[in-house]
Amino acid sequence: MTLSEKLSQGIGRRALVMIEVFPFFIVGTLDDVQGDHINIIAEFGVPLQFQGKDFNLNIANIAALYVEENEGEIPRMQ
């Protein structure tokens, strides 16, 4: 199974993505996987004006990634 196939199984789940450039990490819902890109709808980890926005990230720019297997593994911000 490729990384893209594995990530595709997580579509609709929450994910934590660490990247090498600002905003450095994004927590949100994994919205789509297309080849070597993922789309994540940001909940937090980004400036307030970017919350709820869709981020398209190249897998090569991701330092670490975790997709929830069970709901609640990634805490929600209030």
Protein backbone atom coordinates (compact mmCIF):
# COMPACT_ATOMS: atom_id res chain seq x y z
CA MET A 1 0.00 0.00 0.00
CA THR A 2 1.36 3.42 -0.94
CA LEU A 3 1.37 6.42 1.38
CA SER A 4 -1.33 8.08 -0.76
CA GLU A 5 -3.53 4.98 -0.48
CA LYS A 6 -3.02 4.84 3.29
CA LEU A 7 -3.84 8.54 3.64
CA SER A 8 -6.93 8.15 1.44
CA GLN A 9 -8.33 5.81 4.09
CA GLY A 10 -8.20 8.73 6.53
CA ILE A 11 -10.30 11.16 4.49
CA GLY A 12 -12.90 12.73 6.77
CA ARG A 13 -10.82 12.09 9.90
CA ARG A 14 -8.88 14.64 11.92
CA ALA A 15 -5.15 14.92 11.31
CA LEU A 16 -2.13 16.68 12.74
CA VAL A 17 0.40 17.75 10.11
CA MET A 18 3.83 19.17 10.90
CA ILE A 19 5.56 21.06 8.10
CA GLU A 20 8.92 22.80 7.78
CA VAL A 21 7.55 26.29 7.08
CA PHE A 22 5.07 28.60 8.80
CA PRO A 23 2.52 27.79 10.20
CA PHE A 24 4.65 24.72 11.17
CA PHE A 25 1.69 22.59 12.18
CA ILE A 26 -1.96 22.29 11.21
CA VAL A 27 -4.70 20.36 12.95
CA GLY A 28 -7.85 19.78 10.98
CA THR A 29 -9.90 17.41 8.87
CA LEU A 30 -8.24 15.48 6.06
CA ASP A 31 -10.40 16.50 3.12
CA ASP A 32 -8.76 14.92 0.08
CA VAL A 33 -5.70 13.05 -1.19
CA GLN A 34 -4.61 13.51 -4.81
CA GLY A 35 -1.34 11.79 -5.74
CA ASP A 36 1.39 13.46 -3.68
CA HIS A 37 -0.86 16.22 -2.25
CA ILE A 38 -3.26 16.31 0.69
CA ASN A 39 -5.97 18.85 1.47
CA ILE A 40 -6.65 19.59 5.11
CA ILE A 41 -9.27 21.99 6.47
CA ALA A 42 -7.53 23.83 9.30
CA GLU A 43 -9.07 23.94 12.77
CA PHE A 44 -6.08 25.29 14.69
CA GLY A 45 -2.31 25.70 14.53
CA VAL A 46 -2.81 28.48 12.00
CA PRO A 47 -3.58 32.19 12.43
CA LEU A 48 -7.24 32.87 13.20
CA GLN A 49 -7.99 34.18 9.69
CA PHE A 50 -6.92 30.82 8.19
CA GLN A 51 -9.03 28.61 10.44
CA GLY A 52 -11.63 26.80 8.35
CA LYS A 53 -9.55 27.30 5.20
CA ASP A 54 -8.36 24.48 2.96
CA PHE A 55 -4.59 23.88 2.84
CA ASN A 56 -3.12 21.92 -0.07
CA LEU A 57 0.19 20.37 1.03
CA ASN A 58 2.73 18.36 -0.92
CA ILE A 59 3.60 15.17 0.95
CA ALA A 60 7.31 15.89 0.37
CA ASN A 61 6.98 19.04 2.54
CA ILE A 62 5.46 17.19 5.49
CA ALA A 63 7.84 16.48 8.39
CA ALA A 64 5.32 14.42 10.40
CA LEU A 65 1.71 13.40 9.97
CA TYR A 66 -0.80 11.64 12.19
CA VAL A 67 -4.35 10.75 11.16
CA GLU A 68 -6.74 9.72 13.95
CA GLU A 69 -7.67 6.08 13.96
CA ASN A 70 -10.15 6.61 16.80
CA GLU A 71 -12.15 9.77 17.38
CA GLY A 72 -10.74 11.97 20.14
CA GLU A 73 -7.07 11.00 19.79
CA ILE A 74 -6.24 14.56 18.72
CA PRO A 75 -7.61 17.01 21.30
CA ARG A 76 -10.04 19.69 20.16
CA MET A 77 -9.36 23.35 21.00
CA GLN A 78 -12.20 25.21 22.63
